[in-house]
Amino acid sequence: MLSLIAVLYAFNLYFIASTANNVTVALLQMLSSNNTKENILIADKYCRQAAQLNADIALMPEMWNIGYLALFPGYNALNEEPVRDWLELAVDRSSSYIAHFRALAIELNMAIGVTYLEKHANGTLPPKNSLTLIDRFGREMLHYSKVHTCD
């Protein structure tokens, strides 16, 4: 049996789905900013609300660290600066962004699916649209990078 609880908070909406196996998942639907520090604070707040509603797992929207801002704003073939600016927003798995949610998962005793624009280890390849699932003990349980199809 699947029960849904919808919580509306100032135009931000998230759903909690609970299954018969007693695993409760909070799908966080938050209004993002184009600032990583602000997005950390917003997600922190909603993770805390999900924990108060007894969620076992909180999942963020795609590429939450950058708020899915326009990938290449103002791009044209003669100006590569917007692309470089966008690439600089990518973070790696050892970043303070991920570390914040590791600590929060431990504090809240709740798994958190953290989404972000991930920097490649060698720093030269294009970044990846990634999710890291952190368990309630702060351990990385899953890492997934989305595969984009060709246009």
Protein backbone atom coordinates (compact mmCIF):
# COMPACT_ATOMS: atom_id res chain seq x y z
CA MET A 1 0.00 0.00 0.00
CA LEU A 2 1.35 3.39 -0.91
CA SER A 3 0.35 6.40 1.10
CA LEU A 4 1.21 9.93 0.02
CA ILE A 5 1.47 13.00 2.16
CA ALA A 6 1.91 16.28 0.33
CA VAL A 7 3.30 19.26 2.17
CA LEU A 8 3.08 22.73 0.63
CA TYR A 9 5.37 25.44 1.96
CA ALA A 10 5.53 28.83 0.20
CA PHE A 11 5.29 27.46 -3.36
CA ASN A 12 7.73 24.64 -2.57
CA LEU A 13 6.25 21.18 -2.62
CA TYR A 14 7.58 17.82 -1.61
CA PHE A 15 5.97 14.44 -1.34
CA ILE A 16 6.51 11.63 1.10
CA ALA A 17 5.77 8.13 -0.16
CA SER A 18 5.63 5.26 2.31
CA THR A 19 5.53 1.63 1.23
CA ALA A 20 4.31 -1.46 3.04
CA ASN A 21 7.96 -2.24 3.83
CA ASN A 22 8.00 0.88 5.99
CA VAL A 23 10.55 2.76 3.89
CA THR A 24 9.55 6.41 3.64
CA VAL A 25 10.99 8.46 0.78
CA ALA A 26 10.77 12.27 0.64
CA LEU A 27 10.97 13.63 -2.91
CA LEU A 28 12.11 17.18 -2.33
CA GLN A 29 10.74 19.68 -4.85
CA MET A 30 12.35 22.97 -3.91
CA LEU A 31 12.76 26.34 -5.59
CA SER A 32 16.46 26.72 -6.24
CA SER A 33 18.65 29.74 -6.46
CA ASN A 34 21.63 30.08 -8.78
CA ASN A 35 23.94 30.07 -5.76
CA THR A 36 25.38 26.83 -4.36
CA LYS A 37 25.61 28.13 -0.78
CA GLU A 38 21.95 29.18 -0.83
CA ASN A 39 20.96 25.83 -2.33
CA ILE A 40 22.75 24.02 0.51
CA LEU A 41 20.71 26.01 3.04
CA ILE A 42 17.45 25.37 1.20
CA ALA A 43 18.09 21.62 0.90
CA ASP A 44 19.22 21.44 4.54
CA LYS A 45 15.92 23.00 5.63
CA TYR A 46 13.84 20.58 3.55
CA CYS A 47 15.86 17.55 4.66
CA ARG A 48 15.15 18.56 8.26
CA GLN A 49 11.43 18.83 7.48
CA ALA A 50 11.50 15.40 5.83
CA ALA A 51 13.22 13.94 8.91
CA GLN A 52 10.54 15.48 11.14
CA LEU A 53 7.98 13.62 9.01
CA ASN A 54 9.93 10.38 9.63
CA ALA A 55 11.38 10.02 6.13
CA ASP A 56 14.04 7.35 5.75
CA ILE A 57 15.43 8.84 2.53
CA ALA A 58 15.32 12.39 1.13
CA LEU A 59 15.99 12.84 -2.60
CA MET A 60 16.94 16.19 -4.14
CA PRO A 61 16.01 17.42 -7.62
CA GLU A 62 18.58 17.00 -10.40
CA MET A 63 21.82 19.02 -10.22
CA TRP A 64 20.71 20.76 -7.04
CA ASN A 65 24.06 22.40 -6.33
CA ILE A 66 23.63 24.75 -9.29
CA GLY A 67 19.84 24.87 -9.36
CA TYR A 68 19.84 23.63 -12.95
CA LEU A 69 20.52 27.10 -14.25
CA ALA A 70 20.85 27.53 -17.98
CA LEU A 71 23.66 25.29 -19.10
CA PHE A 72 25.33 27.77 -21.40
CA PRO A 73 23.71 31.18 -20.89
CA GLY A 74 24.59 33.57 -23.66
CA TYR A 75 26.57 30.92 -25.52
CA ASN A 76 27.72 31.54 -29.03
CA ALA A 77 30.59 30.00 -30.95
CA LEU A 78 32.73 33.13 -30.58
CA ASN A 79 32.37 33.38 -26.79
CA GLU A 80 33.34 30.34 -24.71
CA GLU A 81 33.39 32.24 -21.40
CA PRO A 82 29.84 31.22 -20.33
CA VAL A 83 30.78 27.56 -20.86
CA ARG A 84 33.92 27.94 -18.70
CA ASP A 85 31.91 29.72 -15.99
CA TRP A 86 29.40 26.87 -15.96
CA LEU A 87 32.12 24.22 -15.80
CA GLU A 88 33.64 25.96 -12.77
CA LEU A 89 30.43 25.24 -10.82
CA ALA A 90 31.10 21.49 -10.93
CA VAL A 91 32.15 19.85 -7.64
CA ASP A 92 33.82 16.54 -6.88
CA ARG A 93 32.69 13.84 -4.50
CA SER A 94 35.06 15.05 -1.78
CA SER A 95 33.74 18.63 -1.89
CA SER A 96 32.36 20.60 1.04
CA TYR A 97 28.97 20.41 -0.71
CA ILE A 98 28.87 16.61 -0.36
CA ALA A 99 30.50 16.76 3.09
CA HIS A 100 27.67 18.99 4.36
CA PHE A 101 25.07 16.37 3.46
CA ARG A 102 27.19 13.52 4.86
CA ALA A 103 27.14 15.28 8.23
CA LEU A 104 23.44 16.09 7.89
CA ALA A 105 22.57 12.46 7.11
CA ILE A 106 24.31 11.39 10.32
CA GLU A 107 22.68 14.17 12.35
CA LEU A 108 19.18 13.40 11.05
CA ASN A 109 19.66 9.60 10.98
CA MET A 110 18.29 9.68 7.41
CA ALA A 111 19.71 8.76 4.01
CA ILE A 112 20.05 11.66 1.56
CA GLY A 113 20.27 11.49 -2.24
CA VAL A 114 22.53 14.42 -3.10
CA THR A 115 22.48 15.66 -6.70
CA TYR A 116 25.08 17.86 -8.34
CA LEU A 117 27.10 18.79 -11.38
CA GLU A 118 30.13 16.54 -10.85
CA LYS A 119 33.64 17.45 -11.89
CA HIS A 120 35.53 14.61 -13.60
CA ALA A 121 38.47 13.30 -11.60
CA ASN A 122 40.95 14.41 -14.26
CA GLY A 123 39.28 17.81 -14.58
CA THR A 124 39.43 17.85 -18.36
CA LEU A 125 36.31 15.99 -19.43
CA PRO A 126 32.85 17.59 -19.35
CA PRO A 127 31.13 17.42 -15.96
CA LYS A 128 28.50 14.80 -15.14
CA ASN A 129 24.94 15.09 -13.85
CA SER A 130 25.34 12.91 -10.72
CA LEU A 131 23.64 11.57 -7.62
CA THR A 132 25.37 10.26 -4.51
CA LEU A 133 23.20 8.37 -2.04
CA ILE A 134 24.52 8.83 1.49
CA ASP A 135 23.20 6.48 4.16
CA ARG A 136 22.23 7.54 7.69
CA PHE A 137 25.76 6.78 8.86
CA GLY A 138 27.31 9.19 6.33
CA ARG A 139 28.60 6.45 4.02
CA GLU A 140 28.33 6.61 0.25
CA MET A 141 26.02 3.76 -0.75
CA LEU A 142 25.48 4.58 -4.41
CA HIS A 143 26.96 6.87 -7.01
CA TYR A 144 25.19 7.36 -10.32
CA SER A 145 25.89 9.65 -13.26
CA LYS A 146 23.18 10.24 -15.82
CA VAL A 147 23.92 9.28 -19.40
CA HIS A 148 22.72 11.89 -21.86
CA THR A 149 21.59 10.87 -25.33
CA CYS A 150 22.90 12.55 -28.46
CA ASP A 151 20.85 15.39 -29.91
